Amino acid sequence: MKKKFIICLLVSFFILPDSVRAIVNPTKEFYVNDYADVLSEKNEQYIIEKSKKLEEKTGAQIVVVTVKNLERKDIESYATELFRKFGIGAKNENNGLLLLISLEERKSRIEVGYGLEGLLPDGKTGRFQDEYMIPYFKEDHFDEGILNGYKAFFKEIATYYEYTEDIDEPIEEENDIGEWITIIISFIGRNGRRTGGFYYGGNPFGRRSSNRGDSFFGGGFSGGGGFSGGGGSSRGF
């Protein structure tokens, strides 16, 4: 009987699709999932406490995940599945952000829900990685880079919801090219909206409030938000 159980277990492992095997589960802390073991206890607690307050005040969620590798998946697919599995963001707002780092592939990814897409378009999430995170990652200082990037995204989201009591300033690296790219993308987006083009994200009626009621995009996954349709950006280091 025991032998049959072991055989069945091995068979099920090999026939399960990669998407089932590869995606890690949320830890009991939810906001920090340090499977690569790169974060200090101090910084883990900092992120957990800040994220709890952010959710209490705004409904938005920032979740940090580190993994040793992506189990043969590309980082975009991995991040999307992870976002949905965790259910990041308020259900009716889809206002979640995932900060993902994979050590073996030396890649990072910021995944953004629909509700924050207007605030954090792809160009901005890429620039934030370039300025606040990648310089640290290149030196294998993952603990510092993750914390610095977290502070940058926390500040952006908290300010958007007019929650300004708990903001710590990140350390910014000079990156003139990234700044100009972001300005150009923002300019194109604004002109597209003025001429009747597709609205790229967030609330089409203006700034979101901290009210956690219905939004333009409804629904979600895993009992929370998690509908990662807003986009994001990836970086190698």
C-alpha atoms as a PDB file:
ATOM      1  CA  MET A   1       0.000   0.000   0.000  1.00  0.00           C
ATOM      2  CA  LYS A   2       2.781   2.380   0.968  1.00  0.00           C
ATOM      3  CA  LYS A   3       4.673   1.515  -2.211  1.00  0.00           C
ATOM      4  CA  LYS A   4       1.609   2.274  -4.366  1.00  0.00           C
ATOM      5  CA  PHE A   5       1.173   5.636  -2.639  1.00  0.00           C
ATOM      6  CA  ILE A   6       4.779   6.624  -3.367  1.00  0.00           C
ATOM      7  CA  ILE A   7       4.439   5.587  -7.021  1.00  0.00           C
ATOM      8  CA  CYS A   8       1.236   7.600  -7.404  1.00  0.00           C
ATOM      9  CA  LEU A   9       2.904  10.607  -5.804  1.00  0.00           C
ATOM     10  CA  LEU A  10       5.843  10.438  -8.213  1.00  0.00           C
ATOM     11  CA  VAL A  11       3.573   9.993 -11.238  1.00  0.00           C
ATOM     12  CA  SER A  12       1.400  12.937 -10.239  1.00  0.00           C
ATOM     13  CA  PHE A  13       4.510  15.119  -9.879  1.00  0.00           C
ATOM     14  CA  PHE A  14       5.633  14.433 -13.442  1.00  0.00           C
ATOM     15  CA  ILE A  15       2.211  14.775 -15.073  1.00  0.00           C
ATOM     16  CA  LEU A  16       1.219  17.979 -13.289  1.00  0.00           C
ATOM     17  CA  PRO A  17       1.582  21.066 -15.508  1.00  0.00           C
ATOM     18  CA  ASP A  18       4.377  23.512 -14.719  1.00  0.00           C
ATOM     19  CA  SER A  19       1.874  26.177 -13.693  1.00  0.00           C
ATOM     20  CA  VAL A  20       0.687  23.991 -10.806  1.00  0.00           C
ATOM     21  CA  ARG A  21       4.132  22.943  -9.576  1.00  0.00           C
ATOM     22  CA  ALA A  22       6.015  26.192 -10.060  1.00  0.00           C
ATOM     23  CA  ILE A  23       3.928  28.812  -8.302  1.00  0.00           C
ATOM     24  CA  VAL A  24       4.714  29.242  -4.621  1.00  0.00           C
ATOM     25  CA  ASN A  25       2.005  29.608  -1.986  1.00  0.00           C
ATOM     26  CA  PRO A  26       1.475  32.738   0.120  1.00  0.00           C
ATOM     27  CA  THR A  27       3.058  32.580   3.552  1.00  0.00           C
ATOM     28  CA  LYS A  28       1.059  33.321   6.691  1.00  0.00           C
ATOM     29  CA  GLU A  29       2.415  36.881   6.566  1.00  0.00           C
ATOM     30  CA  PHE A  30       1.125  37.310   2.975  1.00  0.00           C
ATOM     31  CA  TYR A  31       2.861  40.630   2.322  1.00  0.00           C
ATOM     32  CA  VAL A  32       6.354  39.091   2.427  1.00  0.00           C
ATOM     33  CA  ASN A  33       7.152  35.722   0.851  1.00  0.00           C
ATOM     34  CA  ASP A  34      10.927  35.402   0.987  1.00  0.00           C
ATOM     35  CA  TYR A  35      11.452  31.940  -0.551  1.00  0.00           C
ATOM     36  CA  ALA A  36      14.958  32.913  -1.713  1.00  0.00           C
ATOM     37  CA  ASP A  37      15.897  33.912   1.840  1.00  0.00           C
ATOM     38  CA  VAL A  38      17.438  37.280   0.958  1.00  0.00           C
ATOM     39  CA  LEU A  39      15.535  39.624   3.280  1.00  0.00           C
ATOM     40  CA  SER A  40      16.633  40.455   6.802  1.00  0.00           C
ATOM     41  CA  GLU A  41      14.115  39.974   9.595  1.00  0.00           C
ATOM     42  CA  LYS A  42      14.152  43.730  10.223  1.00  0.00           C
ATOM     43  CA  ASN A  43      13.205  44.572   6.636  1.00  0.00           C
ATOM     44  CA  GLU A  44      10.590  41.818   6.498  1.00  0.00           C
ATOM     45  CA  GLN A  45       8.868  43.285   9.536  1.00  0.00           C
ATOM     46  CA  TYR A  46       9.114  46.781   8.068  1.00  0.00           C
ATOM     47  CA  ILE A  47       7.370  45.690   4.852  1.00  0.00           C
ATOM     48  CA  ILE A  48       4.706  43.696   6.699  1.00  0.00           C
ATOM     49  CA  GLU A  49       3.828  46.562   9.030  1.00  0.00           C
ATOM     50  CA  LYS A  50       3.790  49.165   6.258  1.00  0.00           C
ATOM     51  CA  SER A  51       1.681  46.980   3.966  1.00  0.00           C
ATOM     52  CA  LYS A  52      -0.852  46.286   6.705  1.00  0.00           C
ATOM     53  CA  LYS A  53      -1.290  50.010   7.340  1.00  0.00           C
ATOM     54  CA  LEU A  54      -1.526  50.733   3.622  1.00  0.00           C
ATOM     55  CA  GLU A  55      -4.294  48.178   3.191  1.00  0.00           C
ATOM     56  CA  GLU A  56      -6.157  49.444   6.253  1.00  0.00           C
ATOM     57  CA  LYS A  57      -6.068  53.034   5.001  1.00  0.00           C
ATOM     58  CA  THR A  58      -6.540  52.529   1.251  1.00  0.00           C
ATOM     59  CA  GLY A  59      -7.439  48.929   0.422  1.00  0.00           C
ATOM     60  CA  ALA A  60      -4.359  48.674  -1.803  1.00  0.00           C
ATOM     61  CA  GLN A  61      -1.872  45.839  -1.280  1.00  0.00           C
ATOM     62  CA  ILE A  62       1.853  45.547  -1.983  1.00  0.00           C
ATOM     63  CA  VAL A  63       3.225  42.006  -1.861  1.00  0.00           C
ATOM     64  CA  VAL A  64       6.919  41.059  -2.072  1.00  0.00           C
ATOM     65  CA  VAL A  65       7.931  37.612  -3.353  1.00  0.00           C
ATOM     66  CA  THR A  66      11.445  36.265  -3.819  1.00  0.00           C
ATOM     67  CA  VAL A  67      12.118  32.859  -5.395  1.00  0.00           C
ATOM     68  CA  LYS A  68      15.267  30.891  -6.127  1.00  0.00           C
ATOM     69  CA  ASN A  69      14.153  30.242  -9.712  1.00  0.00           C
ATOM     70  CA  LEU A  70      11.122  30.399 -12.002  1.00  0.00           C
ATOM     71  CA  GLU A  71      10.827  26.634 -12.637  1.00  0.00           C
ATOM     72  CA  ARG A  72      11.375  27.013 -16.402  1.00  0.00           C
ATOM     73  CA  LYS A  73       8.687  29.696 -16.734  1.00  0.00           C
ATOM     74  CA  ASP A  74       9.213  33.217 -18.062  1.00  0.00           C
ATOM     75  CA  ILE A  75       8.949  35.848 -15.369  1.00  0.00           C
ATOM     76  CA  GLU A  76       5.905  37.571 -16.905  1.00  0.00           C
ATOM     77  CA  SER A  77       3.821  34.368 -16.848  1.00  0.00           C
ATOM     78  CA  TYR A  78       5.061  33.464 -13.388  1.00  0.00           C
ATOM     79  CA  ALA A  79       4.182  36.898 -12.008  1.00  0.00           C
ATOM     80  CA  THR A  80       0.702  36.882 -13.574  1.00  0.00           C
ATOM     81  CA  GLU A  81      -0.142  33.465 -12.131  1.00  0.00           C
ATOM     82  CA  LEU A  82       1.299  34.438  -8.767  1.00  0.00           C
ATOM     83  CA  PHE A  83      -0.711  37.663  -8.705  1.00  0.00           C
ATOM     84  CA  ARG A  84      -3.945  35.815  -9.374  1.00  0.00           C
ATOM     85  CA  LYS A  85      -3.222  32.925  -7.026  1.00  0.00           C
ATOM     86  CA  PHE A  86      -2.473  35.276  -4.130  1.00  0.00           C
ATOM     87  CA  GLY A  87      -5.441  37.518  -4.969  1.00  0.00           C
ATOM     88  CA  ILE A  88      -3.475  40.730  -4.549  1.00  0.00           C
ATOM     89  CA  GLY A  89      -5.520  43.903  -4.120  1.00  0.00           C
ATOM     90  CA  ALA A  90      -9.053  44.693  -2.975  1.00  0.00           C
ATOM     91  CA  LYS A  91     -11.685  42.641  -4.815  1.00  0.00           C
ATOM     92  CA  ASN A  92     -13.628  45.545  -6.298  1.00  0.00           C
ATOM     93  CA  GLU A  93     -10.598  47.744  -6.899  1.00  0.00           C
ATOM     94  CA  ASN A  94      -7.936  45.400  -8.335  1.00  0.00           C
ATOM     95  CA  ASN A  95      -5.424  47.742  -6.755  1.00  0.00           C
ATOM     96  CA  GLY A  96      -2.567  45.382  -5.998  1.00  0.00           C
ATOM     97  CA  LEU A  97       1.139  45.449  -6.767  1.00  0.00           C
ATOM     98  CA  LEU A  98       3.517  42.488  -6.829  1.00  0.00           C
ATOM     99  CA  LEU A  99       7.266  42.926  -6.454  1.00  0.00           C
ATOM    100  CA  LEU A 100       8.920  39.691  -7.661  1.00  0.00           C
ATOM    101  CA  ILE A 101      12.632  38.775  -7.705  1.00  0.00           C
ATOM    102  CA  SER A 102      14.151  35.535  -9.045  1.00  0.00           C
ATOM    103  CA  LEU A 103      17.783  34.897  -8.127  1.00  0.00           C
ATOM    104  CA  GLU A 104      18.936  32.235 -10.608  1.00  0.00           C
ATOM    105  CA  GLU A 105      17.508  34.049 -13.628  1.00  0.00           C
ATOM    106  CA  ARG A 106      18.620  37.379 -12.119  1.00  0.00           C
ATOM    107  CA  LYS A 107      15.351  39.058 -13.025  1.00  0.00           C
ATOM    108  CA  SER A 108      12.828  41.262 -11.302  1.00  0.00           C
ATOM    109  CA  ARG A 109       9.222  41.998 -12.194  1.00  0.00           C
ATOM    110  CA  ILE A 110       6.656  44.540 -11.064  1.00  0.00           C
ATOM    111  CA  GLU A 111       3.098  43.346 -11.736  1.00  0.00           C
ATOM    112  CA  VAL A 112       0.281  45.874 -11.409  1.00  0.00           C
ATOM    113  CA  GLY A 113      -3.479  45.382 -11.133  1.00  0.00           C
ATOM    114  CA  TYR A 114      -5.976  47.277 -13.284  1.00  0.00           C
ATOM    115  CA  GLY A 115      -6.846  49.716 -10.541  1.00  0.00           C
ATOM    116  CA  LEU A 116      -3.290  51.090 -10.298  1.00  0.00           C
ATOM    117  CA  GLU A 117      -2.441  51.039 -13.987  1.00  0.00           C
ATOM    118  CA  GLY A 118      -3.105  54.742 -14.488  1.00  0.00           C
ATOM    119  CA  LEU A 119      -0.830  55.582 -11.576  1.00  0.00           C
ATOM    120  CA  LEU A 120       1.892  53.043 -12.429  1.00  0.00           C
ATOM    121  CA  PRO A 121       2.133  52.513 -16.198  1.00  0.00           C
ATOM    122  CA  ASP A 122       4.788  50.165 -17.563  1.00  0.00           C
ATOM    123  CA  GLY A 123       7.307  52.926 -18.183  1.00  0.00           C
ATOM    124  CA  LYS A 124       7.155  54.165 -14.617  1.00  0.00           C
ATOM    125  CA  THR A 125       7.453  50.707 -13.037  1.00  0.00           C
ATOM    126  CA  GLY A 126      10.492  50.078 -15.239  1.00  0.00           C
ATOM    127  CA  ARG A 127      12.073  53.389 -14.282  1.00  0.00           C
ATOM    128  CA  PHE A 128      11.480  52.737 -10.602  1.00  0.00           C
ATOM    129  CA  GLN A 129      13.296  49.418 -10.902  1.00  0.00           C
ATOM    130  CA  ASP A 130      16.186  51.053 -12.769  1.00  0.00           C
ATOM    131  CA  GLU A 131      16.564  53.838 -10.225  1.00  0.00           C
ATOM    132  CA  TYR A 132      15.682  52.257  -6.905  1.00  0.00           C
ATOM    133  CA  MET A 133      16.381  48.522  -7.214  1.00  0.00           C
ATOM    134  CA  ILE A 134      18.657  47.342 -10.020  1.00  0.00           C
ATOM    135  CA  PRO A 135      21.824  49.177  -8.828  1.00  0.00           C
ATOM    136  CA  TYR A 136      21.579  47.174  -5.590  1.00  0.00           C
ATOM    137  CA  PHE A 137      20.716  43.895  -7.311  1.00  0.00           C
ATOM    138  CA  LYS A 138      23.756  44.133  -9.585  1.00  0.00           C
ATOM    139  CA  GLU A 139      25.902  44.077  -6.454  1.00  0.00           C
ATOM    140  CA  ASP A 140      23.832  41.221  -4.959  1.00  0.00           C
ATOM    141  CA  HIS A 141      22.504  43.549  -2.269  1.00  0.00           C
ATOM    142  CA  PHE A 142      18.979  42.193  -2.547  1.00  0.00           C
ATOM    143  CA  ASP A 143      17.855  43.126   0.941  1.00  0.00           C
ATOM    144  CA  GLU A 144      18.629  46.810   0.408  1.00  0.00           C
ATOM    145  CA  GLY A 145      17.319  46.879  -3.173  1.00  0.00           C
ATOM    146  CA  ILE A 146      13.989  45.296  -2.308  1.00  0.00           C
ATOM    147  CA  LEU A 147      13.476  47.667   0.616  1.00  0.00           C
ATOM    148  CA  ASN A 148      14.384  50.716  -1.467  1.00  0.00           C
ATOM    149  CA  GLY A 149      12.061  49.693  -4.293  1.00  0.00           C
ATOM    150  CA  TYR A 150       9.296  48.931  -1.834  1.00  0.00           C
ATOM    151  CA  LYS A 151       9.594  52.427  -0.347  1.00  0.00           C
ATOM    152  CA  ALA A 152       9.329  53.993  -3.808  1.00  0.00           C
ATOM    153  CA  PHE A 153       6.160  52.097  -4.737  1.00  0.00           C
ATOM    154  CA  PHE A 154       4.666  52.569  -1.282  1.00  0.00           C
ATOM    155  CA  LYS A 155       5.167  56.330  -1.552  1.00  0.00           C
ATOM    156  CA  GLU A 156       3.554  56.445  -4.998  1.00  0.00           C
ATOM    157  CA  ILE A 157       0.486  54.454  -3.981  1.00  0.00           C
ATOM    158  CA  ALA A 158       0.036  56.082  -0.557  1.00  0.00           C
ATOM    159  CA  THR A 159       0.256  59.574  -2.069  1.00  0.00           C
ATOM    160  CA  TYR A 160      -2.281  58.607  -4.743  1.00  0.00           C
ATOM    161  CA  TYR A 161      -4.766  57.750  -2.011  1.00  0.00           C
ATOM    162  CA  GLU A 162      -3.807  60.862  -0.018  1.00  0.00           C
ATOM    163  CA  TYR A 163      -2.362  58.761   2.789  1.00  0.00           C
ATOM    164  CA  THR A 164       0.777  60.743   3.592  1.00  0.00           C
ATOM    165  CA  GLU A 165       1.395  59.975   7.275  1.00  0.00           C
ATOM    166  CA  ASP A 166       3.630  56.931   6.891  1.00  0.00           C
ATOM    167  CA  ILE A 167       5.957  57.631   3.948  1.00  0.00           C
ATOM    168  CA  ASP A 168       9.721  57.032   4.000  1.00  0.00           C
ATOM    169  CA  GLU A 169      11.791  58.418   1.137  1.00  0.00           C
ATOM    170  CA  PRO A 170      13.682  55.931  -1.064  1.00  0.00           C
ATOM    171  CA  ILE A 171      17.236  56.549  -2.273  1.00  0.00           C
ATOM    172  CA  GLU A 172      17.142  57.546  -5.935  1.00  0.00           C
ATOM    173  CA  GLU A 173      19.836  56.758  -8.506  1.00  0.00           C
ATOM    174  CA  GLU A 174      20.325  59.238 -11.343  1.00  0.00           C
ATOM    175  CA  ASN A 175      18.798  58.025 -14.605  1.00  0.00           C
ATOM    176  CA  ASP A 176      18.089  60.805 -17.072  1.00  0.00           C
ATOM    177  CA  ILE A 177      17.211  58.445 -19.945  1.00  0.00           C
ATOM    178  CA  GLY A 178      14.606  56.638 -17.869  1.00  0.00           C
ATOM    179  CA  GLU A 179      13.087  59.947 -16.822  1.00  0.00           C
ATOM    180  CA  TRP A 180      12.707  61.110 -20.423  1.00  0.00           C
ATOM    181  CA  ILE A 181      11.168  57.792 -21.498  1.00  0.00           C
ATOM    182  CA  THR A 182       8.585  58.071 -18.725  1.00  0.00           C
ATOM    183  CA  ILE A 183       7.762  61.677 -19.695  1.00  0.00           C
ATOM    184  CA  ILE A 184       7.255  60.682 -23.355  1.00  0.00           C
ATOM    185  CA  ILE A 185       5.029  57.716 -22.447  1.00  0.00           C
ATOM    186  CA  SER A 186       2.937  59.901 -20.121  1.00  0.00           C
ATOM    187  CA  PHE A 187       2.597  62.563 -22.839  1.00  0.00           C
ATOM    188  CA  ILE A 188       1.428  60.008 -25.424  1.00  0.00           C
ATOM    189  CA  GLY A 189      -1.055  58.539 -22.928  1.00  0.00           C
ATOM    190  CA  ARG A 190      -2.561  61.939 -22.093  1.00  0.00           C
ATOM    191  CA  ASN A 191      -2.943  62.894 -25.743  1.00  0.00           C
ATOM    192  CA  GLY A 192      -4.522  59.529 -26.537  1.00  0.00           C
ATOM    193  CA  ARG A 193      -7.168  60.143 -23.876  1.00  0.00           C
ATOM    194  CA  ARG A 194      -7.835  63.692 -25.090  1.00  0.00           C
ATOM    195  CA  THR A 195      -8.462  62.452 -28.627  1.00  0.00           C
ATOM    196  CA  GLY A 196     -10.782  59.666 -27.580  1.00  0.00           C
ATOM    197  CA  GLY A 197      -8.132  56.942 -27.449  1.00  0.00           C
ATOM    198  CA  PHE A 198      -8.234  53.962 -25.143  1.00  0.00           C
ATOM    199  CA  TYR A 199      -8.037  54.820 -21.463  1.00  0.00           C
ATOM    200  CA  TYR A 200      -5.103  52.930 -20.055  1.00  0.00           C
ATOM    201  CA  GLY A 201      -6.110  52.220 -16.498  1.00  0.00           C
ATOM    202  CA  GLY A 202      -7.221  53.135 -13.034  1.00  0.00           C
ATOM    203  CA  ASN A 203     -10.429  55.046 -12.534  1.00  0.00           C
ATOM    204  CA  PRO A 204     -11.562  56.771 -15.764  1.00  0.00           C
ATOM    205  CA  PHE A 205     -13.459  59.330 -13.705  1.00  0.00           C
ATOM    206  CA  GLY A 206     -10.488  60.770 -11.848  1.00  0.00           C
ATOM    207  CA  ARG A 207      -8.438  60.169  -8.698  1.00  0.00           C
ATOM    208  CA  ARG A 208      -9.403  57.206  -6.583  1.00  0.00           C
ATOM    209  CA  SER A 209     -10.415  57.867  -3.024  1.00  0.00           C
ATOM    210  CA  SER A 210      -9.711  55.560  -0.117  1.00  0.00           C
ATOM    211  CA  ASN A 211     -13.314  54.328  -0.370  1.00  0.00           C
ATOM    212  CA  ARG A 212     -13.202  50.583  -0.897  1.00  0.00           C
ATOM    213  CA  GLY A 213     -16.522  50.325  -2.732  1.00  0.00           C
ATOM    214  CA  ASP A 214     -17.244  49.403  -6.332  1.00  0.00           C
ATOM    215  CA  SER A 215     -14.868  50.479  -9.063  1.00  0.00           C
ATOM    216  CA  PHE A 216     -14.842  50.596 -12.839  1.00  0.00           C
ATOM    217  CA  PHE A 217     -13.253  47.131 -12.994  1.00  0.00           C
ATOM    218  CA  GLY A 218     -14.935  44.517 -10.800  1.00  0.00           C
ATOM    219  CA  GLY A 219     -14.155  40.977  -9.829  1.00  0.00           C
ATOM    220  CA  GLY A 220     -10.998  39.181  -8.906  1.00  0.00           C
ATOM    221  CA  PHE A 221      -9.463  35.904  -7.822  1.00  0.00           C
ATOM    222  CA  SER A 222      -8.739  33.967  -4.627  1.00  0.00           C
ATOM    223  CA  GLY A 223     -11.195  36.004  -2.576  1.00  0.00           C
ATOM    224  CA  GLY A 224      -9.252  39.221  -3.143  1.00  0.00           C
ATOM    225  CA  GLY A 225      -8.334  41.242  -6.176  1.00  0.00           C
ATOM    226  CA  GLY A 226      -5.678  39.572  -8.229  1.00  0.00           C
ATOM    227  CA  PHE A 227      -6.865  40.449 -11.722  1.00  0.00           C
ATOM    228  CA  SER A 228      -3.475  41.397 -13.093  1.00  0.00           C
ATOM    229  CA  GLY A 229      -4.469  43.057 -16.316  1.00  0.00           C
ATOM    230  CA  GLY A 230      -2.839  46.386 -15.624  1.00  0.00           C
ATOM    231  CA  GLY A 231       0.588  45.407 -16.871  1.00  0.00           C
ATOM    232  CA  GLY A 232       4.007  45.905 -15.413  1.00  0.00           C
ATOM    233  CA  SER A 233       7.665  45.621 -16.373  1.00  0.00           C
ATOM    234  CA  SER A 234      10.599  43.254 -16.050  1.00  0.00           C
ATOM    235  CA  ARG A 235      14.294  43.863 -15.619  1.00  0.00           C
ATOM    236  CA  GLY A 236      17.442  41.772 -15.702  1.00  0.00           C
ATOM    237  CA  PHE A 237      20.392  42.422 -13.437  1.00  0.00           C
END
